[in-house]
Amino acid sequence: MPLDDVVEYQDDRSVKLWGDENQRKLYSTRVAVIGSGPLAQMILANMAGLGVKNICVMSNGRISRSDRNEFLCFKEDHNHVFIGKEKASQIKKTLLKIRESLNVYA
């Protein structure tokens, strides 16, 4: 199947940069990240932006007050506070905002 049939609009520039075959490889790549620190969140956000479709996030922590200002995924959203919620599930929600077609396991 030609990549034009499956490529998402947001991947158009990526395909022009490294070609159909490499974008197909990104679509089929599976990534698992253990932990939910700022570096892990940035890596996950960039993977989602590049076109990696299958992402697994593993973290057993909960969001604390000190996490709010340090993390990309734990910012307050329209005065909604995420304190006490699972970090992995909040990361999943943020990744799905970046790319709705992701398969995120948290």
PDB file of N, CA and C in Angstrom:
ATOM      1  N   MET A   1       0.842  -1.168   0.000  1.00  0.00           N
ATOM      2  CA  MET A   1       0.000   0.000   0.000  1.00  0.00           C
ATOM      3  C   MET A   1       0.893   1.239   0.000  1.00  0.00           C
ATOM      4  N   PRO A   2       0.609   2.205  -0.858  1.00  0.00           N
ATOM      5  CA  PRO A   2       1.418   3.425  -0.866  1.00  0.00           C
ATOM      6  C   PRO A   2       1.257   4.182   0.446  1.00  0.00           C
ATOM      7  N   LEU A   3       2.325   4.807   0.870  1.00  0.00           N
ATOM      8  CA  LEU A   3       2.289   5.533   2.138  1.00  0.00           C
ATOM      9  C   LEU A   3       1.293   6.682   2.087  1.00  0.00           C
ATOM     10  N   ASP A   4       1.023   7.226   0.904  1.00  0.00           N
ATOM     11  CA  ASP A   4       0.065   8.330   0.785  1.00  0.00           C
ATOM     12  C   ASP A   4      -1.302   7.950   1.325  1.00  0.00           C
ATOM     13  N   ASP A   5      -1.633   6.661   1.291  1.00  0.00           N
ATOM     14  CA  ASP A   5      -2.928   6.210   1.777  1.00  0.00           C
ATOM     15  C   ASP A   5      -3.004   6.194   3.297  1.00  0.00           C
ATOM     16  N   VAL A   6      -1.865   6.123   3.975  1.00  0.00           N
ATOM     17  CA  VAL A   6      -1.887   6.026   5.431  1.00  0.00           C
ATOM     18  C   VAL A   6      -1.209   7.190   6.138  1.00  0.00           C
ATOM     19  N   VAL A   7      -0.477   8.014   5.415  1.00  0.00           N
ATOM     20  CA  VAL A   7       0.271   9.099   6.048  1.00  0.00           C
ATOM     21  C   VAL A   7      -0.693  10.147   6.604  1.00  0.00           C
ATOM     22  N   GLU A   8      -0.392  10.603   7.778  1.00  0.00           N
ATOM     23  CA  GLU A   8      -1.201  11.639   8.398  1.00  0.00           C
ATOM     24  C   GLU A   8      -0.686  12.999   7.954  1.00  0.00           C
ATOM     25  N   TYR A   9      -1.562  13.964   7.948  1.00  0.00           N
ATOM     26  CA  TYR A   9      -1.192  15.309   7.505  1.00  0.00           C
ATOM     27  C   TYR A   9       0.013  15.834   8.274  1.00  0.00           C
ATOM     28  N   GLN A  10       0.044  15.605   9.585  1.00  0.00           N
ATOM     29  CA  GLN A  10       1.132  16.151  10.388  1.00  0.00           C
ATOM     30  C   GLN A  10       2.470  15.478  10.096  1.00  0.00           C
ATOM     31  N   ASP A  11       2.473  14.377   9.368  1.00  0.00           N
ATOM     32  CA  ASP A  11       3.715  13.687   9.024  1.00  0.00           C
ATOM     33  C   ASP A  11       4.229  14.058   7.643  1.00  0.00           C
ATOM     34  N   ASP A  12       3.548  14.928   6.960  1.00  0.00           N
ATOM     35  CA  ASP A  12       3.913  15.279   5.594  1.00  0.00           C
ATOM     36  C   ASP A  12       5.359  15.763   5.489  1.00  0.00           C
ATOM     37  N   ARG A  13       5.779  16.629   6.397  1.00  0.00           N
ATOM     38  CA  ARG A  13       7.160  17.133   6.342  1.00  0.00           C
ATOM     39  C   ARG A  13       8.169  16.039   6.668  1.00  0.00           C
ATOM     40  N   SER A  14       7.811  15.148   7.577  1.00  0.00           N
ATOM     41  CA  SER A  14       8.723  14.054   7.921  1.00  0.00           C
ATOM     42  C   SER A  14       8.961  13.145   6.724  1.00  0.00           C
ATOM     43  N   VAL A  15       7.896  12.858   5.990  1.00  0.00           N
ATOM     44  CA  VAL A  15       8.024  12.002   4.805  1.00  0.00           C
ATOM     45  C   VAL A  15       8.933  12.666   3.780  1.00  0.00           C
ATOM     46  N   LYS A  16       8.793  13.964   3.607  1.00  0.00           N
ATOM     47  CA  LYS A  16       9.655  14.679   2.661  1.00  0.00           C
ATOM     48  C   LYS A  16      11.107  14.662   3.113  1.00  0.00           C
ATOM     49  N   LEU A  17      11.323  14.645   4.422  1.00  0.00           N
ATOM     50  CA  LEU A  17      12.679  14.674   4.959  1.00  0.00           C
ATOM     51  C   LEU A  17      13.377  13.327   4.824  1.00  0.00           C
ATOM     52  N   TRP A  18      12.731  12.237   5.268  1.00  0.00           N
ATOM     53  CA  TRP A  18      13.438  10.950   5.242  1.00  0.00           C
ATOM     54  C   TRP A  18      12.759   9.855   4.445  1.00  0.00           C
ATOM     55  N   GLY A  19      11.673  10.149   3.765  1.00  0.00           N
ATOM     56  CA  GLY A  19      11.100   9.216   2.811  1.00  0.00           C
ATOM     57  C   GLY A  19      10.023   8.298   3.369  1.00  0.00           C
ATOM     58  N   ASP A  20       9.300   7.675   2.432  1.00  0.00           N
ATOM     59  CA  ASP A  20       8.177   6.795   2.761  1.00  0.00           C
ATOM     60  C   ASP A  20       8.585   5.598   3.603  1.00  0.00           C
ATOM     61  N   GLU A  21       9.642   4.934   3.188  1.00  0.00           N
ATOM     62  CA  GLU A  21      10.041   3.700   3.868  1.00  0.00           C
ATOM     63  C   GLU A  21      10.384   3.951   5.336  1.00  0.00           C
ATOM     64  N   ASN A  22      11.120   5.003   5.604  1.00  0.00           N
ATOM     65  CA  ASN A  22      11.490   5.294   6.989  1.00  0.00           C
ATOM     66  C   ASN A  22      10.292   5.749   7.817  1.00  0.00           C
ATOM     67  N   GLN A  23       9.351   6.462   7.207  1.00  0.00           N
ATOM     68  CA  GLN A  23       8.149   6.852   7.950  1.00  0.00           C
ATOM     69  C   GLN A  23       7.321   5.616   8.273  1.00  0.00           C
ATOM     70  N   ARG A  24       7.259   4.670   7.351  1.00  0.00           N
ATOM     71  CA  ARG A  24       6.562   3.405   7.597  1.00  0.00           C
ATOM     72  C   ARG A  24       7.179   2.672   8.787  1.00  0.00           C
ATOM     73  N   LYS A  25       8.518   2.703   8.859  1.00  0.00           N
ATOM     74  CA  LYS A  25       9.212   2.074   9.986  1.00  0.00           C
ATOM     75  C   LYS A  25       8.830   2.747  11.304  1.00  0.00           C
ATOM     76  N   LEU A  26       8.741   4.073  11.296  1.00  0.00           N
ATOM     77  CA  LEU A  26       8.328   4.780  12.513  1.00  0.00           C
ATOM     78  C   LEU A  26       6.908   4.399  12.916  1.00  0.00           C
ATOM     79  N   TYR A  27       6.010   4.302  11.943  1.00  0.00           N
ATOM     80  CA  TYR A  27       4.631   3.921  12.238  1.00  0.00           C
ATOM     81  C   TYR A  27       4.568   2.549  12.908  1.00  0.00           C
ATOM     82  N   SER A  28       5.436   1.637  12.506  1.00  0.00           N
ATOM     83  CA  SER A  28       5.368   0.276  13.040  1.00  0.00           C
ATOM     84  C   SER A  28       6.248   0.056  14.270  1.00  0.00           C
ATOM     85  N   THR A  29       6.989   1.079  14.678  1.00  0.00           N
ATOM     86  CA  THR A  29       7.866   0.953  15.839  1.00  0.00           C
ATOM     87  C   THR A  29       7.049   0.904  17.124  1.00  0.00           C
ATOM     88  N   ARG A  30       7.519   0.082  18.062  1.00  0.00           N
ATOM     89  CA  ARG A  30       6.903   0.002  19.391  1.00  0.00           C
ATOM     90  C   ARG A  30       7.920   0.480  20.408  1.00  0.00           C
ATOM     91  N   VAL A  31       7.493   1.387  21.279  1.00  0.00           N
ATOM     92  CA  VAL A  31       8.389   1.985  22.260  1.00  0.00           C
ATOM     93  C   VAL A  31       7.797   1.802  23.649  1.00  0.00           C
ATOM     94  N   ALA A  32       8.642   1.404  24.596  1.00  0.00           N
ATOM     95  CA  ALA A  32       8.247   1.341  26.004  1.00  0.00           C
ATOM     96  C   ALA A  32       9.191   2.235  26.791  1.00  0.00           C
ATOM     97  N   VAL A  33       8.627   3.074  27.636  1.00  0.00           N
ATOM     98  CA  VAL A  33       9.421   3.969  28.473  1.00  0.00           C
ATOM     99  C   VAL A  33       9.052   3.697  29.927  1.00  0.00           C
ATOM    100  N   ILE A  34      10.076   3.439  30.723  1.00  0.00           N
ATOM    101  CA  ILE A  34       9.877   3.200  32.151  1.00  0.00           C
ATOM    102  C   ILE A  34      10.257   4.477  32.884  1.00  0.00           C
ATOM    103  N   GLY A  35       9.328   5.007  33.636  1.00  0.00           N
ATOM    104  CA  GLY A  35       9.556   6.246  34.365  1.00  0.00           C
ATOM    105  C   GLY A  35       8.738   7.372  33.772  1.00  0.00           C
ATOM    106  N   SER A  36       8.612   8.450  34.537  1.00  0.00           N
ATOM    107  CA  SER A  36       7.762   9.550  34.092  1.00  0.00           C
ATOM    108  C   SER A  36       8.387  10.912  34.369  1.00  0.00           C
ATOM    109  N   GLY A  37       9.697  10.951  34.432  1.00  0.00           N
ATOM    110  CA  GLY A  37      10.391  12.213  34.677  1.00  0.00           C
ATOM    111  C   GLY A  37      10.327  13.134  33.477  1.00  0.00           C
ATOM    112  N   PRO A  38      10.863  14.338  33.622  1.00  0.00           N
ATOM    113  CA  PRO A  38      10.820  15.310  32.523  1.00  0.00           C
ATOM    114  C   PRO A  38      11.479  14.797  31.242  1.00  0.00           C
ATOM    115  N   LEU A  39      12.599  14.095  31.359  1.00  0.00           N
ATOM    116  CA  LEU A  39      13.273  13.565  30.170  1.00  0.00           C
ATOM    117  C   LEU A  39      12.399  12.525  29.477  1.00  0.00           C
ATOM    118  N   ALA A  40      11.807  11.624  30.245  1.00  0.00           N
ATOM    119  CA  ALA A  40      10.924  10.603  29.670  1.00  0.00           C
ATOM    120  C   ALA A  40       9.744  11.254  28.960  1.00  0.00           C
ATOM    121  N   GLN A  41       9.180  12.287  29.557  1.00  0.00           N
ATOM    122  CA  GLN A  41       8.040  12.966  28.939  1.00  0.00           C
ATOM    123  C   GLN A  41       8.420  13.636  27.626  1.00  0.00           C
ATOM    124  N   MET A  42       9.589  14.251  27.589  1.00  0.00           N
ATOM    125  CA  MET A  42      10.028  14.899  26.349  1.00  0.00           C
ATOM    126  C   MET A  42      10.302  13.863  25.259  1.00  0.00           C
ATOM    127  N   ILE A  43      10.917  12.747  25.638  1.00  0.00           N
ATOM    128  CA  ILE A  43      11.167  11.675  24.668  1.00  0.00           C
ATOM    129  C   ILE A  43       9.845  11.155  24.118  1.00  0.00           C
ATOM    130  N   LEU A  44       8.877  10.905  24.999  1.00  0.00           N
ATOM    131  CA  LEU A  44       7.578  10.396  24.563  1.00  0.00           C
ATOM    132  C   LEU A  44       6.863  11.391  23.649  1.00  0.00           C
ATOM    133  N   ALA A  45       6.888  12.658  24.006  1.00  0.00           N
ATOM    134  CA  ALA A  45       6.231  13.675  23.179  1.00  0.00           C
ATOM    135  C   ALA A  45       6.876  13.752  21.796  1.00  0.00           C
ATOM    136  N   ASN A  46       8.191  13.665  21.749  1.00  0.00           N
ATOM    137  CA  ASN A  46       8.887  13.706  20.457  1.00  0.00           C
ATOM    138  C   ASN A  46       8.626  12.453  19.639  1.00  0.00           C
ATOM    139  N   MET A  47       8.575  11.295  20.284  1.00  0.00           N
ATOM    140  CA  MET A  47       8.251  10.053  19.568  1.00  0.00           C
ATOM    141  C   MET A  47       6.853  10.148  18.958  1.00  0.00           C
ATOM    142  N   ALA A  48       5.907  10.648  19.731  1.00  0.00           N
ATOM    143  CA  ALA A  48       4.542  10.800  19.222  1.00  0.00           C
ATOM    144  C   ALA A  48       4.514  11.773  18.046  1.00  0.00           C
ATOM    145  N   GLY A  49       5.259  12.846  18.151  1.00  0.00           N
ATOM    146  CA  GLY A  49       5.308  13.824  17.070  1.00  0.00           C
ATOM    147  C   GLY A  49       5.939  13.297  15.799  1.00  0.00           C
ATOM    148  N   LEU A  50       6.902  12.393  15.951  1.00  0.00           N
ATOM    149  CA  LEU A  50       7.575  11.823  14.780  1.00  0.00           C
ATOM    150  C   LEU A  50       6.720  10.797  14.045  1.00  0.00           C
ATOM    151  N   GLY A  51       5.774  10.184  14.745  1.00  0.00           N
ATOM    152  CA  GLY A  51       4.921   9.208  14.092  1.00  0.00           C
ATOM    153  C   GLY A  51       4.974   7.813  14.671  1.00  0.00           C
ATOM    154  N   VAL A  52       5.671   7.616  15.775  1.00  0.00           N
ATOM    155  CA  VAL A  52       5.651   6.308  16.439  1.00  0.00           C
ATOM    156  C   VAL A  52       4.221   6.076  16.915  1.00  0.00           C
ATOM    157  N   LYS A  53       3.625   4.953  16.539  1.00  0.00           N
ATOM    158  CA  LYS A  53       2.206   4.720  16.798  1.00  0.00           C
ATOM    159  C   LYS A  53       1.916   3.914  18.058  1.00  0.00           C
ATOM    160  N   ASN A  54       2.862   3.120  18.521  1.00  0.00           N
ATOM    161  CA  ASN A  54       2.620   2.237  19.660  1.00  0.00           C
ATOM    162  C   ASN A  54       3.568   2.586  20.792  1.00  0.00           C
ATOM    163  N   ILE A  55       3.013   3.131  21.869  1.00  0.00           N
ATOM    164  CA  ILE A  55       3.824   3.596  22.989  1.00  0.00           C
ATOM    165  C   ILE A  55       3.281   3.007  24.282  1.00  0.00           C
ATOM    166  N   CYS A  56       4.192   2.501  25.102  1.00  0.00           N
ATOM    167  CA  CYS A  56       3.837   1.983  26.421  1.00  0.00           C
ATOM    168  C   CYS A  56       4.549   2.837  27.470  1.00  0.00           C
ATOM    169  N   VAL A  57       3.786   3.358  28.422  1.00  0.00           N
ATOM    170  CA  VAL A  57       4.331   4.192  29.494  1.00  0.00           C
ATOM    171  C   VAL A  57       4.182   3.433  30.800  1.00  0.00           C
ATOM    172  N   MET A  58       5.298   3.230  31.497  1.00  0.00           N
ATOM    173  CA  MET A  58       5.256   2.515  32.772  1.00  0.00           C
ATOM    174  C   MET A  58       5.749   3.422  33.888  1.00  0.00           C
ATOM    175  N   SER A  59       4.874   3.699  34.832  1.00  0.00           N
ATOM    176  CA  SER A  59       5.227   4.492  36.006  1.00  0.00           C
ATOM    177  C   SER A  59       4.204   4.179  37.085  1.00  0.00           C
ATOM    178  N   ASN A  60       4.676   3.931  38.283  1.00  0.00           N
ATOM    179  CA  ASN A  60       3.737   3.615  39.355  1.00  0.00           C
ATOM    180  C   ASN A  60       3.510   4.802  40.288  1.00  0.00           C
ATOM    181  N   GLY A  61       4.000   5.971  39.921  1.00  0.00           N
ATOM    182  CA  GLY A  61       3.877   7.144  40.779  1.00  0.00           C
ATOM    183  C   GLY A  61       2.585   7.904  40.577  1.00  0.00           C
ATOM    184  N   ARG A  62       2.321   8.753  41.537  1.00  0.00           N
ATOM    185  CA  ARG A  62       1.183   9.667  41.459  1.00  0.00           C
ATOM    186  C   ARG A  62       1.710  11.096  41.449  1.00  0.00           C
ATOM    187  N   ILE A  63       0.955  11.984  40.879  1.00  0.00           N
ATOM    188  CA  ILE A  63       1.376  13.374  40.755  1.00  0.00           C
ATOM    189  C   ILE A  63       1.294  14.060  42.117  1.00  0.00           C
ATOM    190  N   SER A  64       2.388  14.690  42.501  1.00  0.00           N
ATOM    191  CA  SER A  64       2.411  15.449  43.756  1.00  0.00           C
ATOM    192  C   SER A  64       2.457  16.943  43.432  1.00  0.00           C
ATOM    193  N   ARG A  65       2.283  17.759  44.444  1.00  0.00           N
ATOM    194  CA  ARG A  65       2.283  19.207  44.250  1.00  0.00           C
ATOM    195  C   ARG A  65       3.593  19.688  43.626  1.00  0.00           C
ATOM    196  N   SER A  66       4.707  19.077  44.012  1.00  0.00           N
ATOM    197  CA  SER A  66       6.005  19.507  43.478  1.00  0.00           C
ATOM    198  C   SER A  66       6.186  19.131  42.005  1.00  0.00           C
ATOM    199  N   ASP A  67       5.452  18.143  41.520  1.00  0.00           N
ATOM    200  CA  ASP A  67       5.544  17.731  40.116  1.00  0.00           C
ATOM    201  C   ASP A  67       4.897  18.734  39.171  1.00  0.00           C
ATOM    202  N   ARG A  68       3.935  19.478  39.649  1.00  0.00           N
ATOM    203  CA  ARG A  68       3.125  20.348  38.798  1.00  0.00           C
ATOM    204  C   ARG A  68       3.923  21.269  37.897  1.00  0.00           C
ATOM    205  N   ASN A  69       4.943  21.896  38.441  1.00  0.00           N
ATOM    206  CA  ASN A  69       5.673  22.908  37.681  1.00  0.00           C
ATOM    207  C   ASN A  69       6.855  22.359  36.908  1.00  0.00           C
ATOM    208  N   GLU A  70       7.239  21.132  37.158  1.00  0.00           N
ATOM    209  CA  GLU A  70       8.434  20.577  36.537  1.00  0.00           C
ATOM    210  C   GLU A  70       8.142  19.719  35.317  1.00  0.00           C
ATOM    211  N   PHE A  71       6.926  19.354  35.110  1.00  0.00           N
ATOM    212  CA  PHE A  71       6.618  18.360  34.104  1.00  0.00           C
ATOM    213  C   PHE A  71       5.727  18.921  33.005  1.00  0.00           C
ATOM    214  N   LEU A  72       5.987  18.495  31.794  1.00  0.00           N
ATOM    215  CA  LEU A  72       5.196  18.874  30.629  1.00  0.00           C
ATOM    216  C   LEU A  72       3.754  18.383  30.755  1.00  0.00           C
ATOM    217  N   CYS A  73       3.571  17.165  31.200  1.00  0.00           N
ATOM    218  CA  CYS A  73       2.258  16.527  31.182  1.00  0.00           C
ATOM    219  C   CYS A  73       1.413  16.805  32.416  1.00  0.00           C
ATOM    220  N   PHE A  74       1.979  17.437  33.422  1.00  0.00           N
ATOM    221  CA  PHE A  74       1.235  17.610  34.668  1.00  0.00           C
ATOM    222  C   PHE A  74       0.835  19.056  34.924  1.00  0.00           C
ATOM    223  N   LYS A  75       0.866  19.867  33.906  1.00  0.00           N
ATOM    224  CA  LYS A  75       0.459  21.261  34.055  1.00  0.00           C
ATOM    225  C   LYS A  75      -1.047  21.320  34.297  1.00  0.00           C
ATOM    226  N   GLU A  76      -1.466  22.331  35.009  1.00  0.00           N
ATOM    227  CA  GLU A  76      -2.894  22.508  35.223  1.00  0.00           C
ATOM    228  C   GLU A  76      -3.539  22.894  33.901  1.00  0.00           C
ATOM    229  N   ASP A  77      -4.678  22.329  33.635  1.00  0.00           N
ATOM    230  CA  ASP A  77      -5.396  22.566  32.386  1.00  0.00           C
ATOM    231  C   ASP A  77      -6.732  23.231  32.719  1.00  0.00           C
ATOM    232  N   HIS A  78      -6.850  24.506  32.425  1.00  0.00           N
ATOM    233  CA  HIS A  78      -8.067  25.259  32.730  1.00  0.00           C
ATOM    234  C   HIS A  78      -8.445  25.120  34.205  1.00  0.00           C
ATOM    235  N   ASN A  79      -7.467  25.355  35.068  1.00  0.00           N
ATOM    236  CA  ASN A  79      -7.642  25.300  36.520  1.00  0.00           C
ATOM    237  C   ASN A  79      -7.993  23.908  37.033  1.00  0.00           C
ATOM    238  N   HIS A  80      -7.721  22.887  36.250  1.00  0.00           N
ATOM    239  CA  HIS A  80      -7.944  21.513  36.695  1.00  0.00           C
ATOM    240  C   HIS A  80      -6.646  21.005  37.302  1.00  0.00           C
ATOM    241  N   VAL A  81      -6.712  20.554  38.530  1.00  0.00           N
ATOM    242  CA  VAL A  81      -5.510  20.113  39.228  1.00  0.00           C
ATOM    243  C   VAL A  81      -5.391  18.596  39.112  1.00  0.00           C
ATOM    244  N   PHE A  82      -4.189  18.132  38.767  1.00  0.00           N
ATOM    245  CA  PHE A  82      -3.955  16.710  38.570  1.00  0.00           C
ATOM    246  C   PHE A  82      -3.316  16.036  39.777  1.00  0.00           C
ATOM    247  N   ILE A  83      -3.176  16.730  40.888  1.00  0.00           N
ATOM    248  CA  ILE A  83      -2.505  16.171  42.064  1.00  0.00           C
ATOM    249  C   ILE A  83      -3.243  14.920  42.529  1.00  0.00           C
ATOM    250  N   GLY A  84      -2.471  13.857  42.768  1.00  0.00           N
ATOM    251  CA  GLY A  84      -3.022  12.595  43.241  1.00  0.00           C
ATOM    252  C   GLY A  84      -3.373  11.616  42.135  1.00  0.00           C
ATOM    253  N   LYS A  85      -3.377  12.061  40.898  1.00  0.00           N
ATOM    254  CA  LYS A  85      -3.698  11.159  39.787  1.00  0.00           C
ATOM    255  C   LYS A  85      -2.449  10.402  39.351  1.00  0.00           C
ATOM    256  N   GLU A  86      -2.652   9.290  38.669  1.00  0.00           N
ATOM    257  CA  GLU A  86      -1.526   8.475  38.202  1.00  0.00           C
ATOM    258  C   GLU A  86      -0.758   9.211  37.112  1.00  0.00           C
ATOM    259  N   LYS A  87       0.560   9.177  37.228  1.00  0.00           N
ATOM    260  CA  LYS A  87       1.408   9.868  36.253  1.00  0.00           C
ATOM    261  C   LYS A  87       1.248   9.269  34.862  1.00  0.00           C
ATOM    262  N   ALA A  88       1.242   7.949  34.765  1.00  0.00           N
ATOM    263  CA  ALA A  88       1.165   7.291  33.455  1.00  0.00           C
ATOM    264  C   ALA A  88      -0.129   7.647  32.728  1.00  0.00           C
ATOM    265  N   SER A  89      -1.248   7.692  33.440  1.00  0.00           N
ATOM    266  CA  SER A  89      -2.516   8.009  32.771  1.00  0.00           C
ATOM    267  C   SER A  89      -2.554   9.463  32.302  1.00  0.00           C
ATOM    268  N   GLN A  90      -1.926  10.365  33.047  1.00  0.00           N
ATOM    269  CA  GLN A  90      -1.876  11.763  32.617  1.00  0.00           C
ATOM    270  C   GLN A  90      -0.958  11.932  31.408  1.00  0.00           C
ATOM    271  N   ILE A  91       0.148  11.195  31.392  1.00  0.00           N
ATOM    272  CA  ILE A  91       1.038  11.230  30.230  1.00  0.00           C
ATOM    273  C   ILE A  91       0.292  10.718  28.998  1.00  0.00           C
ATOM    274  N   LYS A  92      -0.479   9.654  29.171  1.00  0.00           N
ATOM    275  CA  LYS A  92      -1.267   9.105  28.063  1.00  0.00           C
ATOM    276  C   LYS A  92      -2.213  10.164  27.493  1.00  0.00           C
ATOM    277  N   LYS A  93      -2.915  10.879  28.359  1.00  0.00           N
ATOM    278  CA  LYS A  93      -3.840  11.920  27.896  1.00  0.00           C
ATOM    279  C   LYS A  93      -3.112  13.001  27.103  1.00  0.00           C
ATOM    280  N   THR A  94      -1.943  13.388  27.592  1.00  0.00           N
ATOM    281  CA  THR A  94      -1.173  14.422  26.900  1.00  0.00           C
ATOM    282  C   THR A  94      -0.698  13.935  25.535  1.00  0.00           C
ATOM    283  N   LEU A  95      -0.231  12.690  25.461  1.00  0.00           N
ATOM    284  CA  LEU A  95       0.232  12.140  24.185  1.00  0.00           C
ATOM    285  C   LEU A  95      -0.910  12.052  23.175  1.00  0.00           C
ATOM    286  N   LEU A  96      -2.099  11.712  23.643  1.00  0.00           N
ATOM    287  CA  LEU A  96      -3.244  11.631  22.737  1.00  0.00           C
ATOM    288  C   LEU A  96      -3.677  13.010  22.241  1.00  0.00           C
ATOM    289  N   LYS A  97      -3.328  14.064  22.964  1.00  0.00           N
ATOM    290  CA  LYS A  97      -3.580  15.421  22.464  1.00  0.00           C
ATOM    291  C   LYS A  97      -2.610  15.757  21.335  1.00  0.00           C
ATOM    292  N   ILE A  98      -1.400  15.206  21.412  1.00  0.00           N
ATOM    293  CA  ILE A  98      -0.406  15.435  20.363  1.00  0.00           C
ATOM    294  C   ILE A  98      -0.792  14.691  19.095  1.00  0.00           C
ATOM    295  N   ARG A  99      -1.235  13.435  19.258  1.00  0.00           N
ATOM    296  CA  ARG A  99      -1.587  12.604  18.102  1.00  0.00           C
ATOM    297  C   ARG A  99      -2.710  11.658  18.522  1.00  0.00           C
ATOM    298  N   GLU A 100      -3.893  11.896  17.997  1.00  0.00           N
ATOM    299  CA  GLU A 100      -5.071  11.119  18.390  1.00  0.00           C
ATOM    300  C   GLU A 100      -5.000   9.656  17.982  1.00  0.00           C
ATOM    301  N   SER A 101      -4.245   9.348  16.957  1.00  0.00           N
ATOM    302  CA  SER A 101      -4.221   7.989  16.418  1.00  0.00           C
ATOM    303  C   SER A 101      -3.234   7.065  17.134  1.00  0.00           C
ATOM    304  N   LEU A 102      -2.645   7.521  18.227  1.00  0.00           N
ATOM    305  CA  LEU A 102      -1.679   6.693  18.965  1.00  0.00           C
ATOM    306  C   LEU A 102      -2.356   5.522  19.654  1.00  0.00           C
ATOM    307  N   ASN A 103      -1.599   4.462  19.827  1.00  0.00           N
ATOM    308  CA  ASN A 103      -1.974   3.367  20.712  1.00  0.00           C
ATOM    309  C   ASN A 103      -1.082   3.515  21.937  1.00  0.00           C
ATOM    310  N   VAL A 104      -1.630   4.096  23.007  1.00  0.00           N
ATOM    311  CA  VAL A 104      -0.845   4.348  24.213  1.00  0.00           C
ATOM    312  C   VAL A 104      -1.332   3.415  25.299  1.00  0.00           C
ATOM    313  N   TYR A 105      -0.398   2.692  25.890  1.00  0.00           N
ATOM    314  CA  TYR A 105      -0.694   1.783  26.988  1.00  0.00           C
ATOM    315  C   TYR A 105      -0.045   2.346  28.241  1.00  0.00           C
ATOM    316  N   ALA A 106      -0.843   2.600  29.263  1.00  0.00           N
ATOM    317  CA  ALA A 106      -0.300   3.179  30.490  1.00  0.00           C
ATOM    318  C   ALA A 106      -0.779   2.380  31.691  1.00  0.00           C
TER     319      ALA A 106
END
